[in-house]
Amino acid sequence: MNVAARPVAPGKTRSCPHCKATILESLSICPGCLHHLRFDQEAARRQVAAKSALRVDGVIQHPNAEEPWEYFVTIAVRNERGEEVARQVVGVGALQGAEKRTFSLSVEVLPAQAPPAPVPAPAPKPGSTTTSGAGSVRPGTASTPPGPAKR
C-alpha cells in the first residue's frame, strides 16, 4: 500500500510518543531519542538532506581544591530583533573534585520539501550490448587494456 505523505506546515510540532520531546511534525526519526516514528520515504529524504548549521562543543572541569559546583544548561533562541522566542533548561547537575562534563550543542536545518527521489538507471537487458563513451563491449568478450605500441 502506497500512502502519500500529507502536507505539513513548516514549523508545526508534536510530541514524540517515546520520549515526549517536542519535535517537528514532519520528522520520521525523533532527534532526541532517535526512535523511528513512521516510515515515510519523503520525510526520510528530508531528514537525510538536513545540514548542520551550528555545532558547539565544550568541556568544564572542576578543580580539585574547590568545593563541589552545581551547574545548569540553558538554551535560548532569539529572533532577528534579539527577542527571546524560546528558553529551556535542558540539564542540571553537580561536579565534584576533578570531574568534568562535555557539552555539545547542534542546530540542524532541513528543507521544507523533500529533495526529488533519485531515478534509478534502467537495468541492461541480458545479452544486450553495453556501450560507453570509450567503445563497446560484447557479451562473452573480455576487455583488455592496450599493450605497448609495436614498431
N, C-alpha and C. Protein backbone atom coordinates (compact mmCIF):
# COMPACT_ATOMS: atom_id res chain seq x y z
N MET A 1 0.84 -1.16 0.00
CA MET A 1 0.00 0.00 0.00
C MET A 1 0.89 1.23 0.00
N ASN A 2 0.66 2.11 -0.94
CA ASN A 2 1.45 3.32 -1.05
C ASN A 2 0.63 4.48 -0.49
N VAL A 3 1.07 5.01 0.64
CA VAL A 3 0.35 6.10 1.28
C VAL A 3 1.12 7.38 1.01
N ALA A 4 0.46 8.35 0.39
CA ALA A 4 1.13 9.63 0.13
C ALA A 4 1.24 10.41 1.44
N ALA A 5 2.37 11.07 1.62
CA ALA A 5 2.58 11.86 2.83
C ALA A 5 1.66 13.08 2.79
N ARG A 6 1.01 13.36 3.90
CA ARG A 6 0.14 14.52 3.94
C ARG A 6 1.00 15.76 4.13
N PRO A 7 0.59 16.88 3.52
CA PRO A 7 1.39 18.09 3.68
C PRO A 7 1.35 18.58 5.12
N VAL A 8 2.48 19.09 5.59
CA VAL A 8 2.60 19.61 6.95
C VAL A 8 3.12 21.03 6.85
N ALA A 9 2.53 21.94 7.60
CA ALA A 9 3.00 23.32 7.62
C ALA A 9 4.40 23.38 8.23
N PRO A 10 5.33 24.10 7.60
CA PRO A 10 6.68 24.21 8.17
C PRO A 10 6.63 24.75 9.60
N GLY A 11 7.36 24.09 10.50
CA GLY A 11 7.43 24.52 11.90
C GLY A 11 6.37 23.93 12.81
N LYS A 12 5.41 23.19 12.26
CA LYS A 12 4.37 22.59 13.09
C LYS A 12 5.00 21.48 13.95
N THR A 13 4.58 21.40 15.22
CA THR A 13 5.21 20.47 16.16
C THR A 13 4.24 19.42 16.68
N ARG A 14 4.82 18.42 17.31
CA ARG A 14 4.07 17.36 18.00
C ARG A 14 4.99 16.77 19.06
N SER A 15 4.45 15.87 19.87
CA SER A 15 5.26 15.20 20.90
C SER A 15 5.72 13.85 20.39
N CYS A 16 6.97 13.51 20.68
CA CYS A 16 7.46 12.17 20.37
C CYS A 16 6.74 11.20 21.29
N PRO A 17 6.16 10.13 20.76
CA PRO A 17 5.46 9.18 21.61
C PRO A 17 6.40 8.38 22.52
N HIS A 18 7.69 8.39 22.23
CA HIS A 18 8.65 7.62 23.02
C HIS A 18 9.23 8.43 24.18
N CYS A 19 9.76 9.62 23.86
CA CYS A 19 10.45 10.41 24.90
C CYS A 19 9.69 11.67 25.29
N LYS A 20 8.60 11.94 24.61
CA LYS A 20 7.73 13.10 24.90
C LYS A 20 8.36 14.45 24.56
N ALA A 21 9.46 14.47 23.85
CA ALA A 21 10.08 15.73 23.43
C ALA A 21 9.20 16.39 22.38
N THR A 22 9.22 17.71 22.32
CA THR A 22 8.53 18.44 21.27
C THR A 22 9.41 18.42 20.04
N ILE A 23 8.87 17.89 18.94
CA ILE A 23 9.65 17.74 17.70
C ILE A 23 8.84 18.28 16.53
N LEU A 24 9.49 18.44 15.40
CA LEU A 24 8.79 18.83 14.18
C LEU A 24 7.87 17.70 13.74
N GLU A 25 6.66 18.05 13.35
CA GLU A 25 5.70 17.03 12.91
C GLU A 25 6.17 16.31 11.66
N SER A 26 6.98 16.96 10.85
CA SER A 26 7.42 16.38 9.59
C SER A 26 8.52 15.33 9.73
N LEU A 27 9.12 15.18 10.92
CA LEU A 27 10.24 14.25 11.09
C LEU A 27 9.77 12.80 11.15
N SER A 28 10.60 11.91 10.62
CA SER A 28 10.30 10.48 10.71
C SER A 28 11.15 9.80 11.78
N ILE A 29 12.18 10.50 12.27
CA ILE A 29 13.03 9.99 13.36
C ILE A 29 13.14 11.10 14.39
N CYS A 30 12.89 10.78 15.66
CA CYS A 30 13.00 11.77 16.72
C CYS A 30 14.47 12.14 16.92
N PRO A 31 14.83 13.44 16.87
CA PRO A 31 16.23 13.81 17.08
C PRO A 31 16.68 13.64 18.53
N GLY A 32 15.75 13.51 19.46
CA GLY A 32 16.10 13.33 20.86
C GLY A 32 16.44 11.89 21.21
N CYS A 33 15.49 10.98 20.94
CA CYS A 33 15.69 9.58 21.34
C CYS A 33 16.08 8.68 20.17
N LEU A 34 16.04 9.21 18.94
CA LEU A 34 16.40 8.50 17.71
C LEU A 34 15.48 7.33 17.37
N HIS A 35 14.28 7.30 17.95
CA HIS A 35 13.30 6.27 17.58
C HIS A 35 12.66 6.64 16.24
N HIS A 36 12.35 5.61 15.46
CA HIS A 36 11.62 5.81 14.21
C HIS A 36 10.16 6.05 14.57
N LEU A 37 9.58 7.10 14.00
CA LEU A 37 8.21 7.48 14.31
C LEU A 37 7.23 7.00 13.26
N ARG A 38 7.67 6.95 12.03
CA ARG A 38 6.84 6.45 10.93
C ARG A 38 7.77 6.15 9.77
N PHE A 39 7.27 5.36 8.86
CA PHE A 39 8.04 5.01 7.69
C PHE A 39 7.49 5.79 6.51
N ASP A 40 8.06 6.95 6.28
CA ASP A 40 7.62 7.89 5.27
C ASP A 40 8.85 8.23 4.44
N GLN A 41 8.87 7.80 3.18
CA GLN A 41 10.06 7.99 2.36
C GLN A 41 10.37 9.47 2.15
N GLU A 42 9.36 10.31 1.96
CA GLU A 42 9.60 11.73 1.74
C GLU A 42 10.21 12.37 2.99
N ALA A 43 9.66 12.06 4.17
CA ALA A 43 10.20 12.61 5.41
C ALA A 43 11.63 12.11 5.64
N ALA A 44 11.88 10.86 5.31
CA ALA A 44 13.23 10.32 5.48
C ALA A 44 14.22 11.03 4.55
N ARG A 45 13.81 11.32 3.30
CA ARG A 45 14.68 12.05 2.38
C ARG A 45 14.95 13.46 2.90
N ARG A 46 13.94 14.11 3.49
CA ARG A 46 14.13 15.45 4.06
C ARG A 46 15.16 15.39 5.18
N GLN A 47 15.00 14.40 6.05
CA GLN A 47 15.88 14.32 7.21
C GLN A 47 17.32 14.01 6.80
N VAL A 48 17.49 13.19 5.76
CA VAL A 48 18.83 12.89 5.26
C VAL A 48 19.46 14.15 4.66
N ALA A 49 18.62 15.03 4.10
CA ALA A 49 19.12 16.26 3.49
C ALA A 49 19.45 17.34 4.53
N ALA A 50 19.22 17.07 5.81
CA ALA A 50 19.49 18.06 6.86
C ALA A 50 20.99 18.40 6.89
N LYS A 51 21.26 19.65 7.20
CA LYS A 51 22.64 20.12 7.29
C LYS A 51 22.87 20.74 8.66
N SER A 52 24.07 20.60 9.15
CA SER A 52 24.42 21.20 10.43
C SER A 52 24.73 22.67 10.21
N ALA A 53 23.90 23.54 10.79
CA ALA A 53 24.10 24.98 10.67
C ALA A 53 24.98 25.52 11.78
N LEU A 54 25.02 24.81 12.91
CA LEU A 54 25.81 25.27 14.06
C LEU A 54 26.16 24.06 14.92
N ARG A 55 27.40 24.02 15.37
CA ARG A 55 27.81 22.99 16.33
C ARG A 55 28.85 23.60 17.26
N VAL A 56 28.59 23.48 18.56
CA VAL A 56 29.50 23.99 19.57
C VAL A 56 29.74 22.87 20.58
N ASP A 57 30.99 22.60 20.87
CA ASP A 57 31.37 21.60 21.88
C ASP A 57 32.21 22.30 22.93
N GLY A 58 32.01 21.90 24.18
CA GLY A 58 32.81 22.50 25.26
C GLY A 58 32.95 21.56 26.43
N VAL A 59 33.96 21.79 27.25
CA VAL A 59 34.24 20.96 28.41
C VAL A 59 34.43 21.87 29.62
N ILE A 60 33.83 21.48 30.74
CA ILE A 60 34.14 22.16 32.00
C ILE A 60 34.72 21.11 32.95
N GLN A 61 35.71 21.52 33.71
CA GLN A 61 36.35 20.60 34.65
C GLN A 61 36.46 21.28 36.01
N HIS A 62 36.09 20.53 37.03
CA HIS A 62 36.14 21.04 38.40
C HIS A 62 37.57 20.92 38.92
N PRO A 63 38.11 22.00 39.51
CA PRO A 63 39.44 21.89 40.12
C PRO A 63 39.35 21.11 41.44
N ASN A 64 40.35 20.35 41.75
CA ASN A 64 40.36 19.51 42.96
C ASN A 64 40.21 20.30 44.25
N ALA A 65 40.79 21.48 44.33
CA ALA A 65 40.88 22.20 45.59
C ALA A 65 39.61 22.93 46.01
N GLU A 66 38.60 22.99 45.18
CA GLU A 66 37.41 23.77 45.50
C GLU A 66 36.26 22.89 45.96
N GLU A 67 35.25 23.55 46.53
CA GLU A 67 34.00 22.88 46.92
C GLU A 67 33.28 22.39 45.66
N PRO A 68 32.35 21.45 45.80
CA PRO A 68 31.59 20.99 44.62
C PRO A 68 30.87 22.15 43.93
N TRP A 69 30.72 22.03 42.61
CA TRP A 69 29.99 23.01 41.81
C TRP A 69 28.66 22.41 41.40
N GLU A 70 27.65 23.23 41.29
CA GLU A 70 26.40 22.85 40.64
C GLU A 70 26.37 23.56 39.29
N TYR A 71 25.70 22.96 38.33
CA TYR A 71 25.59 23.60 37.02
C TYR A 71 24.19 23.39 36.46
N PHE A 72 23.82 24.27 35.54
CA PHE A 72 22.59 24.10 34.77
C PHE A 72 22.87 24.53 33.34
N VAL A 73 22.24 23.86 32.41
CA VAL A 73 22.43 24.13 30.98
C VAL A 73 21.14 24.75 30.46
N THR A 74 21.24 25.95 29.92
CA THR A 74 20.09 26.67 29.40
C THR A 74 20.31 26.97 27.93
N ILE A 75 19.28 26.75 27.13
CA ILE A 75 19.30 27.08 25.71
C ILE A 75 18.29 28.21 25.50
N ALA A 76 18.70 29.26 24.83
CA ALA A 76 17.79 30.37 24.49
C ALA A 76 17.84 30.58 22.98
N VAL A 77 16.68 30.78 22.38
CA VAL A 77 16.57 31.06 20.96
C VAL A 77 16.02 32.47 20.80
N ARG A 78 16.69 33.27 19.98
CA ARG A 78 16.26 34.66 19.76
C ARG A 78 15.99 34.88 18.28
N ASN A 79 15.06 35.77 18.00
CA ASN A 79 14.75 36.11 16.61
C ASN A 79 15.70 37.18 16.11
N GLU A 80 15.48 37.67 14.89
CA GLU A 80 16.39 38.65 14.28
C GLU A 80 16.41 39.99 15.01
N ARG A 81 15.39 40.30 15.83
CA ARG A 81 15.36 41.54 16.61
C ARG A 81 15.95 41.36 18.01
N GLY A 82 16.46 40.15 18.32
CA GLY A 82 17.05 39.90 19.62
C GLY A 82 16.04 39.51 20.70
N GLU A 83 14.78 39.35 20.31
CA GLU A 83 13.75 38.97 21.27
C GLU A 83 13.80 37.46 21.51
N GLU A 84 13.72 37.08 22.76
CA GLU A 84 13.76 35.66 23.11
C GLU A 84 12.43 35.00 22.73
N VAL A 85 12.52 33.97 21.87
CA VAL A 85 11.31 33.27 21.44
C VAL A 85 11.16 31.91 22.13
N ALA A 86 12.25 31.41 22.70
CA ALA A 86 12.19 30.14 23.44
C ALA A 86 13.36 30.10 24.42
N ARG A 87 13.11 29.49 25.57
CA ARG A 87 14.16 29.32 26.57
C ARG A 87 13.84 28.04 27.33
N GLN A 88 14.86 27.21 27.53
CA GLN A 88 14.63 25.94 28.20
C GLN A 88 15.88 25.49 28.95
N VAL A 89 15.69 25.01 30.16
CA VAL A 89 16.77 24.37 30.90
C VAL A 89 16.78 22.92 30.45
N VAL A 90 17.92 22.48 29.92
CA VAL A 90 17.99 21.13 29.36
C VAL A 90 18.77 20.15 30.23
N GLY A 91 19.41 20.64 31.28
CA GLY A 91 20.13 19.73 32.15
C GLY A 91 20.67 20.44 33.37
N VAL A 92 20.78 19.71 34.46
CA VAL A 92 21.37 20.21 35.69
C VAL A 92 22.24 19.12 36.29
N GLY A 93 23.14 19.50 37.19
CA GLY A 93 23.97 18.50 37.83
C GLY A 93 24.96 19.14 38.77
N ALA A 94 25.90 18.32 39.23
CA ALA A 94 26.95 18.78 40.14
C ALA A 94 28.27 18.15 39.73
N LEU A 95 29.34 18.88 40.00
CA LEU A 95 30.70 18.39 39.73
C LEU A 95 31.46 18.34 41.05
N GLN A 96 32.03 17.20 41.33
CA GLN A 96 32.91 17.02 42.48
C GLN A 96 34.35 17.23 42.02
N GLY A 97 35.29 17.16 42.91
CA GLY A 97 36.70 17.37 42.59
C GLY A 97 37.17 16.53 41.41
N ALA A 98 37.81 17.15 40.43
CA ALA A 98 38.42 16.55 39.25
C ALA A 98 37.42 15.95 38.25
N GLU A 99 36.12 16.09 38.48
CA GLU A 99 35.15 15.61 37.50
C GLU A 99 35.05 16.61 36.35
N LYS A 100 34.66 16.10 35.20
CA LYS A 100 34.45 17.00 34.07
C LYS A 100 33.21 16.58 33.31
N ARG A 101 32.65 17.52 32.57
CA ARG A 101 31.48 17.28 31.73
C ARG A 101 31.76 17.88 30.36
N THR A 102 31.30 17.19 29.33
CA THR A 102 31.39 17.67 27.95
C THR A 102 29.99 18.00 27.49
N PHE A 103 29.83 19.15 26.85
CA PHE A 103 28.53 19.60 26.36
C PHE A 103 28.62 19.82 24.86
N SER A 104 27.59 19.43 24.15
CA SER A 104 27.52 19.64 22.70
C SER A 104 26.17 20.25 22.36
N LEU A 105 26.21 21.26 21.54
CA LEU A 105 25.00 21.91 21.04
C LEU A 105 25.06 21.83 19.52
N SER A 106 23.98 21.41 18.90
CA SER A 106 23.93 21.42 17.44
C SER A 106 22.58 21.90 16.98
N VAL A 107 22.59 22.61 15.86
CA VAL A 107 21.37 23.08 15.22
C VAL A 107 21.39 22.53 13.80
N GLU A 108 20.38 21.75 13.46
CA GLU A 108 20.26 21.17 12.13
C GLU A 108 19.17 21.91 11.38
N VAL A 109 19.37 22.13 10.09
CA VAL A 109 18.35 22.73 9.23
C VAL A 109 18.03 21.75 8.12
N LEU A 110 16.76 21.73 7.70
CA LEU A 110 16.37 20.83 6.64
C LEU A 110 15.37 21.50 5.73
N PRO A 111 15.30 21.06 4.48
CA PRO A 111 14.39 21.70 3.53
C PRO A 111 12.94 21.45 3.91
N ALA A 112 12.07 22.43 3.59
CA ALA A 112 10.65 22.27 3.88
C ALA A 112 10.03 21.19 2.99
N GLN A 113 10.60 20.98 1.82
CA GLN A 113 10.13 19.93 0.91
C GLN A 113 11.26 18.93 0.73
N ALA A 114 10.89 17.67 0.52
CA ALA A 114 11.89 16.63 0.29
C ALA A 114 12.56 16.85 -1.05
N PRO A 115 13.88 16.60 -1.13
CA PRO A 115 14.54 16.67 -2.43
C PRO A 115 13.97 15.58 -3.33
N PRO A 116 14.04 15.76 -4.65
CA PRO A 116 13.49 14.73 -5.53
C PRO A 116 14.18 13.39 -5.32
N ALA A 117 13.40 12.33 -5.45
CA ALA A 117 13.94 10.98 -5.30
C ALA A 117 14.87 10.68 -6.47
N PRO A 118 15.99 10.00 -6.22
CA PRO A 118 16.88 9.65 -7.33
C PRO A 118 16.18 8.67 -8.27
N VAL A 119 16.37 8.88 -9.56
CA VAL A 119 15.77 7.99 -10.56
C VAL A 119 16.78 6.91 -10.87
N PRO A 120 16.43 5.64 -10.62
CA PRO A 120 17.39 4.56 -10.90
C PRO A 120 17.59 4.41 -12.40
N ALA A 121 18.82 4.09 -12.78
CA ALA A 121 19.13 3.85 -14.18
C ALA A 121 18.50 2.53 -14.61
N PRO A 122 18.00 2.46 -15.84
CA PRO A 122 17.40 1.20 -16.28
C PRO A 122 18.46 0.10 -16.33
N ALA A 123 18.07 -1.08 -15.91
CA ALA A 123 18.99 -2.22 -15.91
C ALA A 123 19.18 -2.70 -17.34
N PRO A 124 20.42 -3.08 -17.72
CA PRO A 124 20.62 -3.60 -19.08
C PRO A 124 19.92 -4.96 -19.24
N LYS A 125 19.43 -5.17 -20.44
CA LYS A 125 18.77 -6.44 -20.73
C LYS A 125 19.82 -7.52 -20.89
N PRO A 126 19.54 -8.73 -20.40
CA PRO A 126 20.52 -9.82 -20.55
C PRO A 126 20.82 -10.07 -22.03
N GLY A 127 22.11 -10.20 -22.32
CA GLY A 127 22.53 -10.49 -23.69
C GLY A 127 22.64 -9.27 -24.57
N SER A 128 22.37 -8.08 -24.04
CA SER A 128 22.45 -6.88 -24.86
C SER A 128 23.86 -6.32 -24.82
N THR A 129 24.18 -5.48 -25.78
CA THR A 129 25.48 -4.85 -25.86
C THR A 129 25.46 -3.58 -25.02
N THR A 130 26.49 -3.40 -24.20
CA THR A 130 26.60 -2.22 -23.37
C THR A 130 27.61 -1.30 -24.01
N THR A 131 27.27 -0.02 -24.11
CA THR A 131 28.21 0.93 -24.70
C THR A 131 28.58 1.98 -23.67
N SER A 132 29.75 2.52 -23.85
CA SER A 132 30.19 3.64 -23.03
C SER A 132 30.86 4.62 -23.96
N GLY A 133 31.31 5.73 -23.43
CA GLY A 133 31.95 6.74 -24.27
C GLY A 133 33.23 6.25 -24.91
N ALA A 134 33.86 5.21 -24.38
CA ALA A 134 35.15 4.76 -24.89
C ALA A 134 35.02 3.65 -25.93
N GLY A 135 33.88 3.07 -26.12
CA GLY A 135 33.73 1.97 -27.06
C GLY A 135 32.61 1.07 -26.63
N SER A 136 32.60 -0.15 -27.11
CA SER A 136 31.53 -1.07 -26.75
C SER A 136 32.12 -2.40 -26.31
N VAL A 137 31.35 -3.13 -25.55
CA VAL A 137 31.74 -4.44 -25.07
C VAL A 137 30.66 -5.41 -25.50
N ARG A 138 31.06 -6.53 -26.10
CA ARG A 138 30.10 -7.55 -26.49
C ARG A 138 30.10 -8.65 -25.45
N PRO A 139 28.93 -9.25 -25.21
CA PRO A 139 28.88 -10.36 -24.26
C PRO A 139 29.85 -11.46 -24.67
N GLY A 140 30.52 -12.03 -23.67
CA GLY A 140 31.43 -13.15 -23.91
C GLY A 140 32.83 -12.71 -24.30
N THR A 141 33.11 -11.40 -24.37
CA THR A 141 34.46 -10.96 -24.70
C THR A 141 35.04 -10.25 -23.50
N ALA A 142 36.32 -10.41 -23.30
CA ALA A 142 36.99 -9.75 -22.18
C ALA A 142 37.59 -8.46 -22.67
N SER A 143 37.52 -7.47 -21.85
CA SER A 143 38.13 -6.18 -22.17
C SER A 143 39.55 -6.19 -21.66
N THR A 144 40.53 -5.97 -22.57
CA THR A 144 41.93 -5.94 -22.15
C THR A 144 42.51 -4.59 -22.49
N PRO A 145 43.35 -4.06 -21.64
CA PRO A 145 43.96 -2.77 -21.93
C PRO A 145 44.93 -2.92 -23.11
N PRO A 146 45.09 -1.86 -23.88
CA PRO A 146 46.02 -1.93 -24.99
C PRO A 146 47.44 -2.12 -24.48
N GLY A 147 48.20 -2.93 -25.21
CA GLY A 147 49.60 -3.20 -24.85
C GLY A 147 50.50 -2.09 -25.35
N PRO A 148 51.82 -2.27 -25.15
CA PRO A 148 52.75 -1.25 -25.63
C PRO A 148 52.72 -1.18 -27.17
N ALA A 149 52.95 0.00 -27.68
CA ALA A 149 52.92 0.18 -29.13
C ALA A 149 54.06 -0.58 -29.76
N LYS A 150 53.77 -1.29 -30.88
CA LYS A 150 54.82 -2.05 -31.60
C LYS A 150 55.38 -1.19 -32.70
N ARG A 151 56.68 -1.37 -32.96
CA ARG A 151 57.31 -0.57 -34.02
C ARG A 151 57.56 -1.40 -35.22
